[in-house]
Every structure is written in C-alpha cells, then in structure tokens.
mmCIF file of all heavy atoms, coordinates in Angstrom:
data_MODEL
# 
_entry.id   MODEL 
# 
loop_
_atom_site.group_PDB 
_atom_site.id 
_atom_site.type_symbol 
_atom_site.label_atom_id 
_atom_site.label_alt_id 
_atom_site.label_comp_id 
_atom_site.label_asym_id 
_atom_site.label_entity_id 
_atom_site.label_seq_id 
_atom_site.pdbx_PDB_ins_code 
_atom_site.Cartn_x 
_atom_site.Cartn_y 
_atom_site.Cartn_z 
_atom_site.occupancy 
_atom_site.B_iso_or_equiv 
_atom_site.pdbx_formal_charge 
_atom_site.auth_seq_id 
_atom_site.auth_comp_id 
_atom_site.auth_asym_id 
_atom_site.auth_atom_id 
_atom_site.pdbx_PDB_model_num 
ATOM 1   N N   . PRO A 1 1  ? 0.824   -1.239 0.005   1.00 0.00 ? 1  PRO A N   1 
ATOM 2   C CA  . PRO A 1 1  ? 0.047   0.006  0.004   1.00 0.00 ? 1  PRO A CA  1 
ATOM 3   C C   . PRO A 1 1  ? 0.839   1.271  -0.004  1.00 0.00 ? 1  PRO A C   1 
ATOM 4   O O   . PRO A 1 1  ? 0.383   2.334  -0.422  1.00 0.00 ? 1  PRO A O   1 
ATOM 5   C CB  . PRO A 1 1  ? -0.824  -0.126 1.299   1.00 0.00 ? 1  PRO A CB  1 
ATOM 6   C CG  . PRO A 1 1  ? -0.838  -1.552 1.616   1.00 0.00 ? 1  PRO A CG  1 
ATOM 7   C CD  . PRO A 1 1  ? 0.499   -2.106 1.179   1.00 0.00 ? 1  PRO A CD  1 
ATOM 8   N N   . SER A 1 2  ? 2.112   1.206  0.463   1.00 0.00 ? 2  SER A N   1 
ATOM 9   C CA  . SER A 1 2  ? 2.912   2.392  0.566   1.00 0.00 ? 2  SER A CA  1 
ATOM 10  C C   . SER A 1 2  ? 3.610   2.751  -0.754  1.00 0.00 ? 2  SER A C   1 
ATOM 11  O O   . SER A 1 2  ? 4.194   3.824  -0.833  1.00 0.00 ? 2  SER A O   1 
ATOM 12  C CB  . SER A 1 2  ? 3.988   2.215  1.640   1.00 0.00 ? 2  SER A CB  1 
ATOM 13  O OG  . SER A 1 2  ? 4.883   1.102  1.265   1.00 0.00 ? 2  SER A OG  1 
ATOM 14  N N   . ALA A 1 3  ? 3.501   1.845  -1.751  1.00 0.00 ? 3  ALA A N   1 
ATOM 15  C CA  . ALA A 1 3  ? 4.156   2.169  -3.038  1.00 0.00 ? 3  ALA A CA  1 
ATOM 16  C C   . ALA A 1 3  ? 3.535   3.405  -3.655  1.00 0.00 ? 3  ALA A C   1 
ATOM 17  O O   . ALA A 1 3  ? 2.294   3.589  -3.616  1.00 0.00 ? 3  ALA A O   1 
ATOM 18  C CB  . ALA A 1 3  ? 3.984   0.940  -3.952  1.00 0.00 ? 3  ALA A CB  1 
ATOM 19  N N   . HIS A 1 4  ? 4.330   4.215  -4.287  1.00 0.00 ? 4  HIS A N   1 
ATOM 20  C CA  . HIS A 1 4  ? 3.903   5.456  -4.792  1.00 0.00 ? 4  HIS A CA  1 
ATOM 21  C C   . HIS A 1 4  ? 2.819   5.347  -5.914  1.00 0.00 ? 4  HIS A C   1 
ATOM 22  O O   . HIS A 1 4  ? 2.030   6.224  -6.144  1.00 0.00 ? 4  HIS A O   1 
ATOM 23  C CB  . HIS A 1 4  ? 5.088   6.327  -5.338  1.00 0.00 ? 4  HIS A CB  1 
ATOM 24  C CG  . HIS A 1 4  ? 5.569   5.815  -6.655  1.00 0.00 ? 4  HIS A CG  1 
ATOM 25  N ND1 . HIS A 1 4  ? 6.485   4.734  -6.675  1.00 0.00 ? 4  HIS A ND1 1 
ATOM 26  C CD2 . HIS A 1 4  ? 5.433   6.227  -7.910  1.00 0.00 ? 4  HIS A CD2 1 
ATOM 27  C CE1 . HIS A 1 4  ? 6.791   4.516  -7.997  1.00 0.00 ? 4  HIS A CE1 1 
ATOM 28  N NE2 . HIS A 1 4  ? 6.106   5.412  -8.727  1.00 0.00 ? 4  HIS A NE2 1 
ATOM 29  N N   . ASP A 1 5  ? 2.898   4.172  -6.575  1.00 0.00 ? 5  ASP A N   1 
ATOM 30  C CA  . ASP A 1 5  ? 1.924   3.938  -7.676  1.00 0.00 ? 5  ASP A CA  1 
ATOM 31  C C   . ASP A 1 5  ? 0.861   2.953  -7.360  1.00 0.00 ? 5  ASP A C   1 
ATOM 32  O O   . ASP A 1 5  ? 0.175   2.400  -8.244  1.00 0.00 ? 5  ASP A O   1 
ATOM 33  C CB  . ASP A 1 5  ? 2.725   3.461  -8.942  1.00 0.00 ? 5  ASP A CB  1 
ATOM 34  C CG  . ASP A 1 5  ? 3.492   2.177  -8.669  1.00 0.00 ? 5  ASP A CG  1 
ATOM 35  O OD1 . ASP A 1 5  ? 3.646   1.797  -7.459  1.00 0.00 ? 5  ASP A OD1 1 
ATOM 36  O OD2 . ASP A 1 5  ? 3.919   1.494  -9.632  1.00 0.00 ? 5  ASP A OD2 1 
ATOM 37  N N   . ALA A 1 6  ? 0.681   2.645  -6.102  1.00 0.00 ? 6  ALA A N   1 
ATOM 38  C CA  . ALA A 1 6  ? -0.362  1.722  -5.666  1.00 0.00 ? 6  ALA A CA  1 
ATOM 39  C C   . ALA A 1 6  ? -1.730  2.438  -5.663  1.00 0.00 ? 6  ALA A C   1 
ATOM 40  O O   . ALA A 1 6  ? -1.979  3.310  -4.840  1.00 0.00 ? 6  ALA A O   1 
ATOM 41  C CB  . ALA A 1 6  ? -0.060  1.236  -4.226  1.00 0.00 ? 6  ALA A CB  1 
ATOM 42  N N   . PHE A 1 7  ? -2.575  2.062  -6.570  1.00 0.00 ? 7  PHE A N   1 
ATOM 43  C CA  . PHE A 1 7  ? -3.846  2.703  -6.801  1.00 0.00 ? 7  PHE A CA  1 
ATOM 44  C C   . PHE A 1 7  ? -4.823  1.749  -7.463  1.00 0.00 ? 7  PHE A C   1 
ATOM 45  O O   . PHE A 1 7  ? -4.553  1.293  -8.588  1.00 0.00 ? 7  PHE A O   1 
ATOM 46  C CB  . PHE A 1 7  ? -3.663  3.982  -7.645  1.00 0.00 ? 7  PHE A CB  1 
ATOM 47  C CG  . PHE A 1 7  ? -4.828  4.990  -7.445  1.00 0.00 ? 7  PHE A CG  1 
ATOM 48  C CD1 . PHE A 1 7  ? -4.828  5.880  -6.447  1.00 0.00 ? 7  PHE A CD1 1 
ATOM 49  C CD2 . PHE A 1 7  ? -5.850  5.002  -8.444  1.00 0.00 ? 7  PHE A CD2 1 
ATOM 50  C CE1 . PHE A 1 7  ? -5.863  6.835  -6.331  1.00 0.00 ? 7  PHE A CE1 1 
ATOM 51  C CE2 . PHE A 1 7  ? -6.847  5.907  -8.299  1.00 0.00 ? 7  PHE A CE2 1 
ATOM 52  C CZ  . PHE A 1 7  ? -6.849  6.833  -7.241  1.00 0.00 ? 7  PHE A CZ  1 
ATOM 53  N N   . ALA A 1 8  ? -5.893  1.381  -6.849  1.00 0.00 ? 8  ALA A N   1 
ATOM 54  C CA  . ALA A 1 8  ? -6.864  0.423  -7.362  1.00 0.00 ? 8  ALA A CA  1 
ATOM 55  C C   . ALA A 1 8  ? -8.052  1.213  -8.025  1.00 0.00 ? 8  ALA A C   1 
ATOM 56  O O   . ALA A 1 8  ? -8.402  2.303  -7.589  1.00 0.00 ? 8  ALA A O   1 
ATOM 57  C CB  . ALA A 1 8  ? -7.376  -0.486 -6.341  1.00 0.00 ? 8  ALA A CB  1 
ATOM 58  N N   . GLN A 1 9  ? -8.636  0.557  -9.039  1.00 0.00 ? 9  GLN A N   1 
ATOM 59  C CA  . GLN A 1 9  ? -9.761  1.238  -9.695  1.00 0.00 ? 9  GLN A CA  1 
ATOM 60  C C   . GLN A 1 9  ? -10.967 0.316  -10.014 1.00 0.00 ? 9  GLN A C   1 
ATOM 61  O O   . GLN A 1 9  ? -11.769 0.624  -10.870 1.00 0.00 ? 9  GLN A O   1 
ATOM 62  C CB  . GLN A 1 9  ? -9.284  1.782  -11.099 1.00 0.00 ? 9  GLN A CB  1 
ATOM 63  C CG  . GLN A 1 9  ? -8.104  2.749  -11.037 1.00 0.00 ? 9  GLN A CG  1 
ATOM 64  C CD  . GLN A 1 9  ? -7.760  3.326  -12.336 1.00 0.00 ? 9  GLN A CD  1 
ATOM 65  O OE1 . GLN A 1 9  ? -8.497  4.110  -12.939 1.00 0.00 ? 9  GLN A OE1 1 
ATOM 66  N NE2 . GLN A 1 9  ? -6.590  2.990  -12.871 1.00 0.00 ? 9  GLN A NE2 1 
ATOM 67  N N   . VAL A 1 10 ? -11.096 -0.759 -9.243  1.00 0.00 ? 10 VAL A N   1 
ATOM 68  C CA  . VAL A 1 10 ? -12.193 -1.686 -9.514  1.00 0.00 ? 10 VAL A CA  1 
ATOM 69  C C   . VAL A 1 10 ? -13.137 -1.846 -8.332  1.00 0.00 ? 10 VAL A C   1 
ATOM 70  O O   . VAL A 1 10 ? -12.717 -2.110 -7.192  1.00 0.00 ? 10 VAL A O   1 
ATOM 71  C CB  . VAL A 1 10 ? -11.618 -3.075 -9.918  1.00 0.00 ? 10 VAL A CB  1 
ATOM 72  C CG1 . VAL A 1 10 ? -10.733 -3.654 -8.862  1.00 0.00 ? 10 VAL A CG1 1 
ATOM 73  C CG2 . VAL A 1 10 ? -12.741 -4.033 -10.287 1.00 0.00 ? 10 VAL A CG2 1 
ATOM 74  N N   . SER A 1 11 ? -14.378 -1.541 -8.559  1.00 0.00 ? 11 SER A N   1 
ATOM 75  C CA  . SER A 1 11 ? -15.469 -1.766 -7.614  1.00 0.00 ? 11 SER A CA  1 
ATOM 76  C C   . SER A 1 11 ? -16.740 -1.980 -8.422  1.00 0.00 ? 11 SER A C   1 
ATOM 77  O O   . SER A 1 11 ? -16.906 -1.341 -9.479  1.00 0.00 ? 11 SER A O   1 
ATOM 78  C CB  . SER A 1 11 ? -15.604 -0.590 -6.659  1.00 0.00 ? 11 SER A CB  1 
ATOM 79  O OG  . SER A 1 11 ? -14.554 -0.469 -5.730  1.00 0.00 ? 11 SER A OG  1 
ATOM 80  N N   . ALA A 1 12 ? -17.630 -2.830 -7.955  1.00 0.00 ? 12 ALA A N   1 
ATOM 81  C CA  . ALA A 1 12 ? -18.784 -3.154 -8.789  1.00 0.00 ? 12 ALA A CA  1 
ATOM 82  C C   . ALA A 1 12 ? -20.090 -2.581 -8.274  1.00 0.00 ? 12 ALA A C   1 
ATOM 83  O O   . ALA A 1 12 ? -20.898 -2.084 -9.050  1.00 0.00 ? 12 ALA A O   1 
ATOM 84  C CB  . ALA A 1 12 ? -18.901 -4.691 -8.851  1.00 0.00 ? 12 ALA A CB  1 
ATOM 85  N N   . PHE A 1 13 ? -20.354 -2.647 -6.952  1.00 0.00 ? 13 PHE A N   1 
ATOM 86  C CA  . PHE A 1 13 ? -21.648 -2.283 -6.477  1.00 0.00 ? 13 PHE A CA  1 
ATOM 87  C C   . PHE A 1 13 ? -21.548 -0.838 -5.840  1.00 0.00 ? 13 PHE A C   1 
ATOM 88  O O   . PHE A 1 13 ? -20.862 -0.617 -4.899  1.00 0.00 ? 13 PHE A O   1 
ATOM 89  C CB  . PHE A 1 13 ? -22.124 -3.199 -5.388  1.00 0.00 ? 13 PHE A CB  1 
ATOM 90  C CG  . PHE A 1 13 ? -23.569 -2.907 -4.915  1.00 0.00 ? 13 PHE A CG  1 
ATOM 91  C CD1 . PHE A 1 13 ? -24.633 -3.556 -5.540  1.00 0.00 ? 13 PHE A CD1 1 
ATOM 92  C CD2 . PHE A 1 13 ? -23.732 -2.100 -3.808  1.00 0.00 ? 13 PHE A CD2 1 
ATOM 93  C CE1 . PHE A 1 13 ? -25.914 -3.262 -5.095  1.00 0.00 ? 13 PHE A CE1 1 
ATOM 94  C CE2 . PHE A 1 13 ? -25.039 -1.826 -3.382  1.00 0.00 ? 13 PHE A CE2 1 
ATOM 95  C CZ  . PHE A 1 13 ? -26.107 -2.410 -4.020  1.00 0.00 ? 13 PHE A CZ  1 
ATOM 96  N N   . ALA A 1 14 ? -22.301 0.110  -6.406  1.00 0.00 ? 14 ALA A N   1 
ATOM 97  C CA  . ALA A 1 14 ? -23.225 0.042  -7.512  1.00 0.00 ? 14 ALA A CA  1 
ATOM 98  C C   . ALA A 1 14 ? -22.511 0.440  -8.861  1.00 0.00 ? 14 ALA A C   1 
ATOM 99  O O   . ALA A 1 14 ? -21.401 0.946  -8.788  1.00 0.00 ? 14 ALA A O   1 
ATOM 100 C CB  . ALA A 1 14 ? -24.394 1.033  -7.353  1.00 0.00 ? 14 ALA A CB  1 
ATOM 101 N N   . SER A 1 15 ? -23.205 0.206  -9.974  1.00 0.00 ? 15 SER A N   1 
ATOM 102 C CA  . SER A 1 15 ? -22.616 0.570  -11.296 1.00 0.00 ? 15 SER A CA  1 
ATOM 103 C C   . SER A 1 15 ? -22.717 2.079  -11.478 1.00 0.00 ? 15 SER A C   1 
ATOM 104 O O   . SER A 1 15 ? -23.810 2.605  -11.654 1.00 0.00 ? 15 SER A O   1 
ATOM 105 C CB  . SER A 1 15 ? -23.332 -0.151 -12.425 1.00 0.00 ? 15 SER A CB  1 
ATOM 106 O OG  . SER A 1 15 ? -22.931 0.403  -13.663 1.00 0.00 ? 15 SER A OG  1 
ATOM 107 N N   . LEU A 1 16 ? -21.622 2.732  -11.463 1.00 0.00 ? 16 LEU A N   1 
ATOM 108 C CA  . LEU A 1 16 ? -21.667 4.218  -11.717 1.00 0.00 ? 16 LEU A CA  1 
ATOM 109 C C   . LEU A 1 16 ? -21.622 4.515  -13.229 1.00 0.00 ? 16 LEU A C   1 
ATOM 110 O O   . LEU A 1 16 ? -21.961 5.653  -13.574 1.00 0.00 ? 16 LEU A O   1 
ATOM 111 C CB  . LEU A 1 16 ? -20.462 4.907  -10.990 1.00 0.00 ? 16 LEU A CB  1 
ATOM 112 C CG  . LEU A 1 16 ? -20.615 4.932  -9.490  1.00 0.00 ? 16 LEU A CG  1 
ATOM 113 C CD1 . LEU A 1 16 ? -19.762 5.962  -8.845  1.00 0.00 ? 16 LEU A CD1 1 
ATOM 114 C CD2 . LEU A 1 16 ? -22.060 5.158  -9.016  1.00 0.00 ? 16 LEU A CD2 1 
ATOM 115 N N   . HIS A 1 17 ? -21.304 3.531  -14.109 1.00 0.00 ? 17 HIS A N   1 
ATOM 116 C CA  . HIS A 1 17 ? -21.548 3.760  -15.452 1.00 0.00 ? 17 HIS A CA  1 
ATOM 117 C C   . HIS A 1 17 ? -23.082 3.976  -15.677 1.00 0.00 ? 17 HIS A C   1 
ATOM 118 O O   . HIS A 1 17 ? -23.537 4.889  -16.378 1.00 0.00 ? 17 HIS A O   1 
ATOM 119 C CB  . HIS A 1 17 ? -21.142 2.571  -16.311 1.00 0.00 ? 17 HIS A CB  1 
ATOM 120 C CG  . HIS A 1 17 ? -19.779 2.626  -16.922 1.00 0.00 ? 17 HIS A CG  1 
ATOM 121 N ND1 . HIS A 1 17 ? -18.634 2.737  -16.203 1.00 0.00 ? 17 HIS A ND1 1 
ATOM 122 C CD2 . HIS A 1 17 ? -19.413 2.771  -18.232 1.00 0.00 ? 17 HIS A CD2 1 
ATOM 123 C CE1 . HIS A 1 17 ? -17.612 2.854  -16.997 1.00 0.00 ? 17 HIS A CE1 1 
ATOM 124 N NE2 . HIS A 1 17 ? -18.044 2.844  -18.259 1.00 0.00 ? 17 HIS A NE2 1 
ATOM 125 N N   . VAL A 1 18 ? -23.853 3.133  -14.992 1.00 0.00 ? 18 VAL A N   1 
ATOM 126 C CA  . VAL A 1 18 ? -25.334 3.264  -15.058 1.00 0.00 ? 18 VAL A CA  1 
ATOM 127 C C   . VAL A 1 18 ? -25.769 4.485  -14.263 1.00 0.00 ? 18 VAL A C   1 
ATOM 128 O O   . VAL A 1 18 ? -26.612 5.249  -14.749 1.00 0.00 ? 18 VAL A O   1 
ATOM 129 C CB  . VAL A 1 18 ? -26.023 1.974  -14.571 1.00 0.00 ? 18 VAL A CB  1 
ATOM 130 C CG1 . VAL A 1 18 ? -27.481 2.215  -14.435 1.00 0.00 ? 18 VAL A CG1 1 
ATOM 131 C CG2 . VAL A 1 18 ? -25.673 0.831  -15.482 1.00 0.00 ? 18 VAL A CG2 1 
ATOM 132 N N   . GLY A 1 19 ? -25.211 4.683  -13.062 1.00 0.00 ? 19 GLY A N   1 
ATOM 133 C CA  . GLY A 1 19 ? -25.652 5.795  -12.246 1.00 0.00 ? 19 GLY A CA  1 
ATOM 134 C C   . GLY A 1 19 ? -25.411 7.157  -12.871 1.00 0.00 ? 19 GLY A C   1 
ATOM 135 O O   . GLY A 1 19 ? -26.318 7.995  -12.942 1.00 0.00 ? 19 GLY A O   1 
ATOM 136 N N   . VAL A 1 20 ? -24.213 7.359  -13.379 1.00 0.00 ? 20 VAL A N   1 
ATOM 137 C CA  . VAL A 1 20 ? -23.899 8.664  -14.000 1.00 0.00 ? 20 VAL A CA  1 
ATOM 138 C C   . VAL A 1 20 ? -24.682 8.818  -15.344 1.00 0.00 ? 20 VAL A C   1 
ATOM 139 O O   . VAL A 1 20 ? -25.190 9.960  -15.600 1.00 0.00 ? 20 VAL A O   1 
ATOM 140 C CB  . VAL A 1 20 ? -22.405 8.781  -14.271 1.00 0.00 ? 20 VAL A CB  1 
ATOM 141 C CG1 . VAL A 1 20 ? -22.077 10.077 -15.036 1.00 0.00 ? 20 VAL A CG1 1 
ATOM 142 C CG2 . VAL A 1 20 ? -21.631 8.724  -12.943 1.00 0.00 ? 20 VAL A CG2 1 
ATOM 143 N N   . THR A 1 21 ? -24.849 7.810  -16.111 1.00 0.00 ? 21 THR A N   1 
ATOM 144 C CA  . THR A 1 21 ? -25.615 7.858  -17.342 1.00 0.00 ? 21 THR A CA  1 
ATOM 145 C C   . THR A 1 21 ? -27.108 8.215  -16.990 1.00 0.00 ? 21 THR A C   1 
ATOM 146 O O   . THR A 1 21 ? -27.776 8.995  -17.740 1.00 0.00 ? 21 THR A O   1 
ATOM 147 C CB  . THR A 1 21 ? -25.537 6.603  -18.188 1.00 0.00 ? 21 THR A CB  1 
ATOM 148 O OG1 . THR A 1 21 ? -24.200 6.299  -18.409 1.00 0.00 ? 21 THR A OG1 1 
ATOM 149 C CG2 . THR A 1 21 ? -26.256 6.766  -19.543 1.00 0.00 ? 21 THR A CG2 1 
ATOM 150 N N   . THR A 1 22 ? -27.590 7.655  -15.932 1.00 0.00 ? 22 THR A N   1 
ATOM 151 C CA  . THR A 1 22 ? -28.935 7.997  -15.493 1.00 0.00 ? 22 THR A CA  1 
ATOM 152 C C   . THR A 1 22 ? -29.057 9.495  -15.159 1.00 0.00 ? 22 THR A C   1 
ATOM 153 O O   . THR A 1 22 ? -30.034 10.119 -15.497 1.00 0.00 ? 22 THR A O   1 
ATOM 154 C CB  . THR A 1 22 ? -29.333 7.159  -14.232 1.00 0.00 ? 22 THR A CB  1 
ATOM 155 O OG1 . THR A 1 22 ? -29.306 5.784  -14.519 1.00 0.00 ? 22 THR A OG1 1 
ATOM 156 C CG2 . THR A 1 22 ? -30.700 7.565  -13.683 1.00 0.00 ? 22 THR A CG2 1 
ATOM 157 N N   . VAL A 1 23 ? -28.047 10.038 -14.534 1.00 0.00 ? 23 VAL A N   1 
ATOM 158 C CA  . VAL A 1 23 ? -28.002 11.439 -14.222 1.00 0.00 ? 23 VAL A CA  1 
ATOM 159 C C   . VAL A 1 23 ? -28.051 12.267 -15.486 1.00 0.00 ? 23 VAL A C   1 
ATOM 160 O O   . VAL A 1 23 ? -28.841 13.245 -15.656 1.00 0.00 ? 23 VAL A O   1 
ATOM 161 C CB  . VAL A 1 23 ? -26.788 11.835 -13.411 1.00 0.00 ? 23 VAL A CB  1 
ATOM 162 C CG1 . VAL A 1 23 ? -26.601 13.422 -13.354 1.00 0.00 ? 23 VAL A CG1 1 
ATOM 163 C CG2 . VAL A 1 23 ? -26.875 11.304 -12.002 1.00 0.00 ? 23 VAL A CG2 1 
ATOM 164 N N   . ILE A 1 24 ? -27.311 11.855 -16.482 1.00 0.00 ? 24 ILE A N   1 
ATOM 165 C CA  . ILE A 1 24 ? -27.264 12.583 -17.783 1.00 0.00 ? 24 ILE A CA  1 
ATOM 166 C C   . ILE A 1 24 ? -28.623 12.555 -18.487 1.00 0.00 ? 24 ILE A C   1 
ATOM 167 O O   . ILE A 1 24 ? -29.101 13.566 -19.014 1.00 0.00 ? 24 ILE A O   1 
ATOM 168 C CB  . ILE A 1 24 ? -26.150 12.025 -18.669 1.00 0.00 ? 24 ILE A CB  1 
ATOM 169 C CG1 . ILE A 1 24 ? -24.748 12.232 -18.068 1.00 0.00 ? 24 ILE A CG1 1 
ATOM 170 C CG2 . ILE A 1 24 ? -26.214 12.658 -20.054 1.00 0.00 ? 24 ILE A CG2 1 
ATOM 171 C CD1 . ILE A 1 24 ? -23.625 11.591 -18.812 1.00 0.00 ? 24 ILE A CD1 1 
ATOM 172 N N   . VAL A 1 25 ? -29.255 11.402 -18.443 1.00 0.00 ? 25 VAL A N   1 
ATOM 173 C CA  . VAL A 1 25 ? -30.601 11.275 -19.069 1.00 0.00 ? 25 VAL A CA  1 
ATOM 174 C C   . VAL A 1 25 ? -31.612 12.117 -18.383 1.00 0.00 ? 25 VAL A C   1 
ATOM 175 O O   . VAL A 1 25 ? -32.346 12.892 -19.038 1.00 0.00 ? 25 VAL A O   1 
ATOM 176 C CB  . VAL A 1 25 ? -31.051 9.765  -19.030 1.00 0.00 ? 25 VAL A CB  1 
ATOM 177 C CG1 . VAL A 1 25 ? -32.522 9.697  -19.447 1.00 0.00 ? 25 VAL A CG1 1 
ATOM 178 C CG2 . VAL A 1 25 ? -30.182 8.902  -19.929 1.00 0.00 ? 25 VAL A CG2 1 
ATOM 179 N N   . LEU A 1 26 ? -31.640 12.101 -17.080 1.00 0.00 ? 26 LEU A N   1 
ATOM 180 C CA  . LEU A 1 26 ? -32.597 12.879 -16.298 1.00 0.00 ? 26 LEU A CA  1 
ATOM 181 C C   . LEU A 1 26 ? -32.292 14.382 -16.444 1.00 0.00 ? 26 LEU A C   1 
ATOM 182 O O   . LEU A 1 26 ? -33.199 15.209 -16.406 1.00 0.00 ? 26 LEU A O   1 
ATOM 183 C CB  . LEU A 1 26 ? -32.559 12.452 -14.826 1.00 0.00 ? 26 LEU A CB  1 
ATOM 184 C CG  . LEU A 1 26 ? -33.099 11.021 -14.539 1.00 0.00 ? 26 LEU A CG  1 
ATOM 185 C CD1 . LEU A 1 26 ? -32.985 10.698 -13.066 1.00 0.00 ? 26 LEU A CD1 1 
ATOM 186 C CD2 . LEU A 1 26 ? -34.503 10.888 -15.071 1.00 0.00 ? 26 LEU A CD2 1 
ATOM 187 N N   . MET A 1 27 ? -31.031 14.769 -16.528 1.00 0.00 ? 27 MET A N   1 
ATOM 188 C CA  . MET A 1 27 ? -30.659 16.119 -16.743 1.00 0.00 ? 27 MET A CA  1 
ATOM 189 C C   . MET A 1 27 ? -31.147 16.636 -18.124 1.00 0.00 ? 27 MET A C   1 
ATOM 190 O O   . MET A 1 27 ? -31.591 17.771 -18.247 1.00 0.00 ? 27 MET A O   1 
ATOM 191 C CB  . MET A 1 27 ? -29.165 16.335 -16.615 1.00 0.00 ? 27 MET A CB  1 
ATOM 192 C CG  . MET A 1 27 ? -28.723 16.408 -15.140 1.00 0.00 ? 27 MET A CG  1 
ATOM 193 S SD  . MET A 1 27 ? -29.234 17.988 -14.329 1.00 0.00 ? 27 MET A SD  1 
ATOM 194 C CE  . MET A 1 27 ? -30.709 17.449 -13.473 1.00 0.00 ? 27 MET A CE  1 
ATOM 195 N N   . ALA A 1 28 ? -31.051 15.813 -19.130 1.00 0.00 ? 28 ALA A N   1 
ATOM 196 C CA  . ALA A 1 28 ? -31.515 16.188 -20.455 1.00 0.00 ? 28 ALA A CA  1 
ATOM 197 C C   . ALA A 1 28 ? -32.993 16.411 -20.381 1.00 0.00 ? 28 ALA A C   1 
ATOM 198 O O   . ALA A 1 28 ? -33.531 17.403 -20.966 1.00 0.00 ? 28 ALA A O   1 
ATOM 199 C CB  . ALA A 1 28 ? -31.192 15.067 -21.448 1.00 0.00 ? 28 ALA A CB  1 
ATOM 200 N N   . ALA A 1 29 ? -33.749 15.613 -19.651 1.00 0.00 ? 29 ALA A N   1 
ATOM 201 C CA  . ALA A 1 29 ? -35.205 15.852 -19.468 1.00 0.00 ? 29 ALA A CA  1 
ATOM 202 C C   . ALA A 1 29 ? -35.419 17.115 -18.710 1.00 0.00 ? 29 ALA A C   1 
ATOM 203 O O   . ALA A 1 29 ? -36.348 17.848 -18.998 1.00 0.00 ? 29 ALA A O   1 
ATOM 204 C CB  . ALA A 1 29 ? -35.802 14.590 -18.795 1.00 0.00 ? 29 ALA A CB  1 
# 
C-alpha cells in the first residue's frame, strides 16, 4: 500500500456507469 503507484480502480456495487448515465438522461429531461 505504501508504493507510490499503488492505486486500485475496480469496484462493482453500484454501477456508476449506469448511475452517471442515469443522471445525464434525467438532466436532459
């Protein structure tokens, strides 16, 4: 964890691809 380049980018619940796209759709409306 102390490594300068230690950085994770994977999590599943909830899907923010879906969450953020939902925001964009509702904002368009």
